[in-house]
């Protein structure tokens, strides 16, 4: 059912009709990334993972409280909401990130979702239009072999191969008979020398790609959930170290 009763007008931007984008993005329990601190001059971008809990009839969007929680000092301030959705394009199914900017209207404790469920929530205005989101939330890198970065599926401690990694998620290759359903959660262990990161990942996509040697490979990509501030900083440092190694290898300078 199309939201807001809008007709499916063809988008001049080359995107699917707005009604399609809105229907996909505002599905209940659909993941949302809340982007804060994007103003010029900021050294970092603060990103919190949330979910759509309710689409209110009065034009409000009800979101789950992320971790770390958003406090009352953010009420009235601008957020950017982004959604990763799969849409039908002329070339076939395509993953697309769209979003919009809005202000945080209020924070409600003990919001009644149904007769048996109450949650702490954020309240924002529903989007009137979703646009293609071009801000790179996290840069992704393929870890250098000499770095020794290892990834395990827990609790079995089954090792998989890291395809690429960012401060917000990881993609890994695995045997094609392994099936990971979208939105399912996986316990992971990311290990580098004496550092170990126990992480919870939510599956956002699976697919097939090409190996460097020309063969095909099956991969699954996850976004990390419920990251503490300490782990976020450690992952950011890890990515910065990895980036320095990539840049030095290109220039021929040893770090």
Protein backbone atom coordinates (compact mmCIF):
# COMPACT_ATOMS: atom_id res chain seq x y z
CA UNK A 1 0.00 0.00 0.00
CA UNK A 2 1.41 3.38 -0.99
CA UNK A 3 2.00 5.83 1.85
CA UNK A 4 0.31 9.23 1.99
CA UNK A 5 -1.99 8.31 -0.94
CA UNK A 6 0.50 9.62 -3.50
CA UNK A 7 0.46 8.45 -7.07
CA UNK A 8 3.55 6.67 -8.32
CA UNK A 9 5.05 9.49 -10.34
CA UNK A 10 8.21 8.73 -12.28
CA UNK A 11 11.17 10.41 -10.61
CA UNK A 12 13.21 12.93 -12.57
CA UNK A 13 16.29 11.81 -10.61
CA UNK A 14 16.18 8.32 -12.10
CA UNK A 15 14.98 6.82 -8.83
CA UNK A 16 11.88 4.63 -8.53
CA UNK A 17 8.63 6.51 -7.71
CA UNK A 18 8.48 8.10 -4.26
CA UNK A 19 5.59 5.84 -3.23
CA UNK A 20 7.82 2.81 -3.83
CA UNK A 21 10.76 4.30 -1.91
CA UNK A 22 8.53 5.26 1.02
CA UNK A 23 6.82 1.87 1.17
CA UNK A 24 10.17 0.08 1.24
CA UNK A 25 11.92 2.41 3.70
CA UNK A 26 9.10 2.70 6.21
CA UNK A 27 8.34 -0.98 6.65
CA UNK A 28 7.97 -1.87 10.32
CA UNK A 29 11.27 -2.95 11.90
CA UNK A 30 13.23 -1.71 8.88
CA UNK A 31 16.75 -0.60 9.91
CA UNK A 32 17.44 3.15 9.99
CA UNK A 33 20.79 4.84 10.41
CA UNK A 34 20.66 8.16 12.24
CA UNK A 35 23.46 10.41 11.07
CA UNK A 36 24.49 13.19 13.43
CA UNK A 37 27.40 15.61 13.41
CA UNK A 38 27.67 16.07 9.64
CA UNK A 39 28.27 19.81 9.85
CA UNK A 40 31.42 21.19 8.28
CA UNK A 41 34.35 21.28 10.64
CA UNK A 42 33.42 18.14 12.53
CA UNK A 43 36.23 15.58 12.78
CA UNK A 44 33.91 12.59 12.86
CA UNK A 45 30.40 11.49 12.04
CA UNK A 46 28.22 10.10 14.80
CA UNK A 47 26.00 7.30 13.45
CA UNK A 48 23.40 5.41 15.51
CA UNK A 49 21.46 2.32 14.41
CA UNK A 50 17.70 2.39 14.91
CA UNK A 51 14.50 0.80 13.54
CA UNK A 52 11.09 1.91 12.31
CA UNK A 53 8.62 0.98 15.07
CA UNK A 54 5.48 2.80 13.96
CA UNK A 55 4.19 5.05 11.19
CA UNK A 56 1.73 7.30 13.03
CA UNK A 57 -1.46 8.43 11.28
CA UNK A 58 -0.76 12.05 12.30
CA UNK A 59 2.44 12.19 10.25
CA UNK A 60 4.98 11.10 12.85
CA UNK A 61 7.64 8.42 12.47
CA UNK A 62 8.37 6.43 15.62
CA UNK A 63 11.92 5.06 15.91
CA UNK A 64 13.61 2.82 18.45
CA UNK A 65 16.17 4.32 20.82
CA UNK A 66 19.63 3.48 19.44
CA UNK A 67 22.65 2.42 21.45
CA UNK A 68 24.25 4.60 22.68
CA UNK A 69 20.97 6.31 23.54
CA UNK A 70 20.07 9.76 22.28
CA UNK A 71 19.49 12.17 25.16
CA UNK A 72 17.07 15.09 25.59
CA UNK A 73 19.72 17.64 24.56
CA UNK A 74 19.21 16.46 20.95
CA UNK A 75 15.49 17.38 20.91
CA UNK A 76 14.94 20.10 18.31
CA UNK A 77 18.24 19.40 16.57
CA UNK A 78 18.68 18.11 13.04
CA UNK A 79 19.17 14.45 12.20
CA UNK A 80 19.69 12.77 8.88
CA UNK A 81 17.85 9.46 8.48
CA UNK A 82 19.08 6.96 5.90
CA UNK A 83 17.56 3.68 4.74
CA UNK A 84 19.15 0.87 2.73
CA UNK A 85 16.44 -0.65 0.51
CA UNK A 86 16.25 -3.06 -2.40
CA UNK A 87 14.31 -1.77 -5.39
CA UNK A 88 13.58 -2.98 -8.91
CA UNK A 89 15.59 -1.07 -11.50
CA UNK A 90 15.83 -1.53 -15.26
CA UNK A 91 18.99 -3.63 -14.80
CA UNK A 92 17.38 -5.77 -12.09
CA UNK A 93 17.14 -5.64 -8.26
CA UNK A 94 19.40 -2.94 -6.85
CA UNK A 95 20.45 -1.87 -3.34
CA UNK A 96 19.85 1.83 -2.84
CA UNK A 97 20.52 4.14 0.11
CA UNK A 98 18.03 6.98 0.44
CA UNK A 99 17.32 9.45 3.20
CA UNK A 100 16.06 12.82 4.39
CA UNK A 101 16.82 15.47 6.99
CA UNK A 102 14.49 16.33 9.84
CA UNK A 103 14.49 17.52 13.46
CA UNK A 104 14.10 15.29 16.49
CA UNK A 105 10.68 16.31 17.80
CA UNK A 106 10.60 14.46 21.12
CA UNK A 107 11.77 11.47 23.11
CA UNK A 108 9.05 9.36 24.72
CA UNK A 109 9.60 6.82 27.48
CA UNK A 110 7.29 3.83 27.65
CA UNK A 111 5.60 4.41 24.26
CA UNK A 112 2.74 1.96 23.69
CA UNK A 113 3.34 0.00 20.48
CA UNK A 114 0.58 -2.52 21.18
CA UNK A 115 -1.29 -4.02 24.13
CA UNK A 116 1.76 -5.93 25.36
CA UNK A 117 4.74 -3.88 24.21
CA UNK A 118 6.08 -0.53 25.35
CA UNK A 119 9.41 0.97 24.33
CA UNK A 120 11.47 4.12 24.66
CA UNK A 121 11.25 5.87 21.30
CA UNK A 122 12.28 8.85 19.21
CA UNK A 123 9.67 10.89 17.33
CA UNK A 124 10.39 12.64 14.02
CA UNK A 125 8.28 13.85 11.11
CA UNK A 126 7.59 11.36 8.33
CA UNK A 127 9.49 12.05 5.09
CA UNK A 128 7.67 13.79 2.28
CA UNK A 129 10.44 12.87 -0.13
CA UNK A 130 13.43 10.53 -0.02
CA UNK A 131 16.55 11.41 -1.99
CA UNK A 132 19.60 9.41 -2.92
CA UNK A 133 22.00 9.44 -0.01
CA UNK A 134 25.55 10.17 -1.15
CA UNK A 135 27.31 10.60 2.19
CA UNK A 136 29.66 7.68 2.76
CA UNK A 137 28.81 6.55 6.28
CA UNK A 138 31.88 4.38 6.63
CA UNK A 139 34.67 3.81 4.13
CA UNK A 140 35.29 0.13 3.37
CA UNK A 141 38.70 -1.45 2.90
CA UNK A 142 40.01 -4.88 2.05
CA UNK A 143 42.46 -5.71 4.86
CA UNK A 144 46.05 -6.30 3.72
CA UNK A 145 47.11 -9.93 4.08
CA UNK A 146 50.11 -8.97 6.19
CA UNK A 147 47.79 -7.31 8.70
CA UNK A 148 46.50 -10.68 9.89
CA UNK A 149 42.89 -9.62 10.45
CA UNK A 150 40.70 -12.66 11.16
CA UNK A 151 36.92 -13.07 11.41
CA UNK A 152 35.04 -15.90 13.14
CA UNK A 153 31.36 -16.82 13.39
CA UNK A 154 30.55 -17.51 17.01
CA UNK A 155 30.06 -19.48 19.14
CA UNK A 156 31.41 -22.24 16.87
CA UNK A 157 34.46 -20.05 16.09
CA UNK A 158 34.15 -20.88 12.38
CA UNK A 159 36.62 -18.80 10.43
CA UNK A 160 35.46 -16.92 7.33
CA UNK A 161 37.38 -14.68 4.91
CA UNK A 162 36.99 -10.91 5.24
CA UNK A 163 35.99 -9.40 1.88
CA UNK A 164 36.00 -5.83 3.17
CA UNK A 165 35.49 -4.13 6.50
CA UNK A 166 34.49 -0.71 7.81
CA UNK A 167 33.88 0.83 11.22
CA UNK A 168 30.20 0.05 10.72
CA UNK A 169 30.15 -3.45 9.27
CA UNK A 170 31.92 -6.26 7.46
CA UNK A 171 31.43 -8.40 4.38
CA UNK A 172 32.80 -11.93 4.31
CA UNK A 173 32.96 -14.79 1.83
CA UNK A 174 31.80 -18.30 2.64
CA UNK A 175 30.74 -21.61 1.01
CA UNK A 176 27.67 -21.16 -1.25
CA UNK A 177 25.62 -23.69 0.74
CA UNK A 178 25.67 -21.42 3.79
CA UNK A 179 22.50 -19.31 3.95
CA UNK A 180 22.15 -16.13 6.01
CA UNK A 181 18.68 -14.58 5.89
CA UNK A 182 18.33 -10.80 5.57
CA UNK A 183 17.81 -9.10 8.97
CA UNK A 184 19.04 -12.19 10.84
CA UNK A 185 21.71 -11.59 13.48
CA UNK A 186 25.15 -13.20 13.67
CA UNK A 187 27.61 -13.21 16.57
CA UNK A 188 31.10 -12.44 15.31
CA UNK A 189 34.63 -12.24 16.62
CA UNK A 190 37.03 -9.91 14.82
CA UNK A 191 40.63 -10.61 15.85
CA UNK A 192 43.89 -8.77 15.23
CA UNK A 193 46.92 -9.92 17.21
CA UNK A 194 45.94 -9.38 20.87
CA UNK A 195 42.85 -7.30 20.10
CA UNK A 196 39.49 -9.10 19.95
CA UNK A 197 36.19 -7.46 19.07
CA UNK A 198 33.02 -9.38 19.95
CA UNK A 199 30.38 -7.97 17.63
CA UNK A 200 26.74 -8.49 16.78
CA UNK A 201 26.01 -8.18 13.07
CA UNK A 202 22.68 -7.83 11.27
CA UNK A 203 22.58 -9.24 7.73
CA UNK A 204 21.81 -6.53 5.16
CA UNK A 205 22.63 -8.35 1.94
CA UNK A 206 24.03 -11.51 0.39
CA UNK A 207 25.23 -12.11 -3.13
CA UNK A 208 27.83 -13.46 -5.49
CA UNK A 209 30.94 -11.70 -6.72
CA UNK A 210 34.21 -12.35 -8.52
CA UNK A 211 37.46 -13.36 -6.89
CA UNK A 212 40.75 -11.73 -7.86
CA UNK A 213 41.69 -14.95 -9.67
CA UNK A 214 38.48 -14.87 -11.72
CA UNK A 215 36.35 -17.43 -9.86
CA UNK A 216 32.98 -16.74 -8.27
CA UNK A 217 32.41 -16.33 -4.55
CA UNK A 218 29.43 -16.06 -2.22
CA UNK A 219 29.45 -13.24 0.30
CA UNK A 220 27.32 -11.87 3.14
CA UNK A 221 27.42 -8.30 4.45
CA UNK A 222 26.40 -7.26 7.95
CA UNK A 223 26.13 -3.99 9.85
CA UNK A 224 27.32 -3.94 13.45
CA UNK A 225 24.65 -3.52 16.13
CA UNK A 226 24.71 -2.00 19.63
CA UNK A 227 28.31 -0.78 19.48
CA UNK A 228 29.56 0.88 22.64
CA UNK A 229 31.43 4.16 22.32
CA UNK A 230 34.67 2.38 23.28
CA UNK A 231 34.30 -0.24 20.54
CA UNK A 232 33.33 2.44 17.98
CA UNK A 233 36.55 4.30 18.73
CA UNK A 234 38.65 1.13 18.56
CA UNK A 235 37.14 0.19 15.21
CA UNK A 236 37.76 3.72 13.89
CA UNK A 237 41.42 3.47 14.94
CA UNK A 238 41.67 0.07 13.27
CA UNK A 239 40.30 1.52 10.02
CA UNK A 240 42.69 4.48 10.18
CA UNK A 241 45.63 2.10 10.67
CA UNK A 242 44.43 0.02 7.72
CA UNK A 243 44.04 3.11 5.55
CA UNK A 244 47.59 4.21 6.36
CA UNK A 245 48.87 0.78 5.32
CA UNK A 246 46.98 1.00 2.02
CA UNK A 247 48.30 4.48 1.29
CA UNK A 248 51.87 3.55 2.21
CA UNK A 249 51.79 0.42 0.03
CA UNK A 250 50.66 2.54 -2.93
CA UNK A 251 53.42 5.09 -2.37
CA UNK A 252 56.08 2.50 -1.59
CA UNK A 253 56.76 4.06 1.80
CA UNK A 254 56.97 1.68 4.77
CA UNK A 255 55.12 2.59 7.98
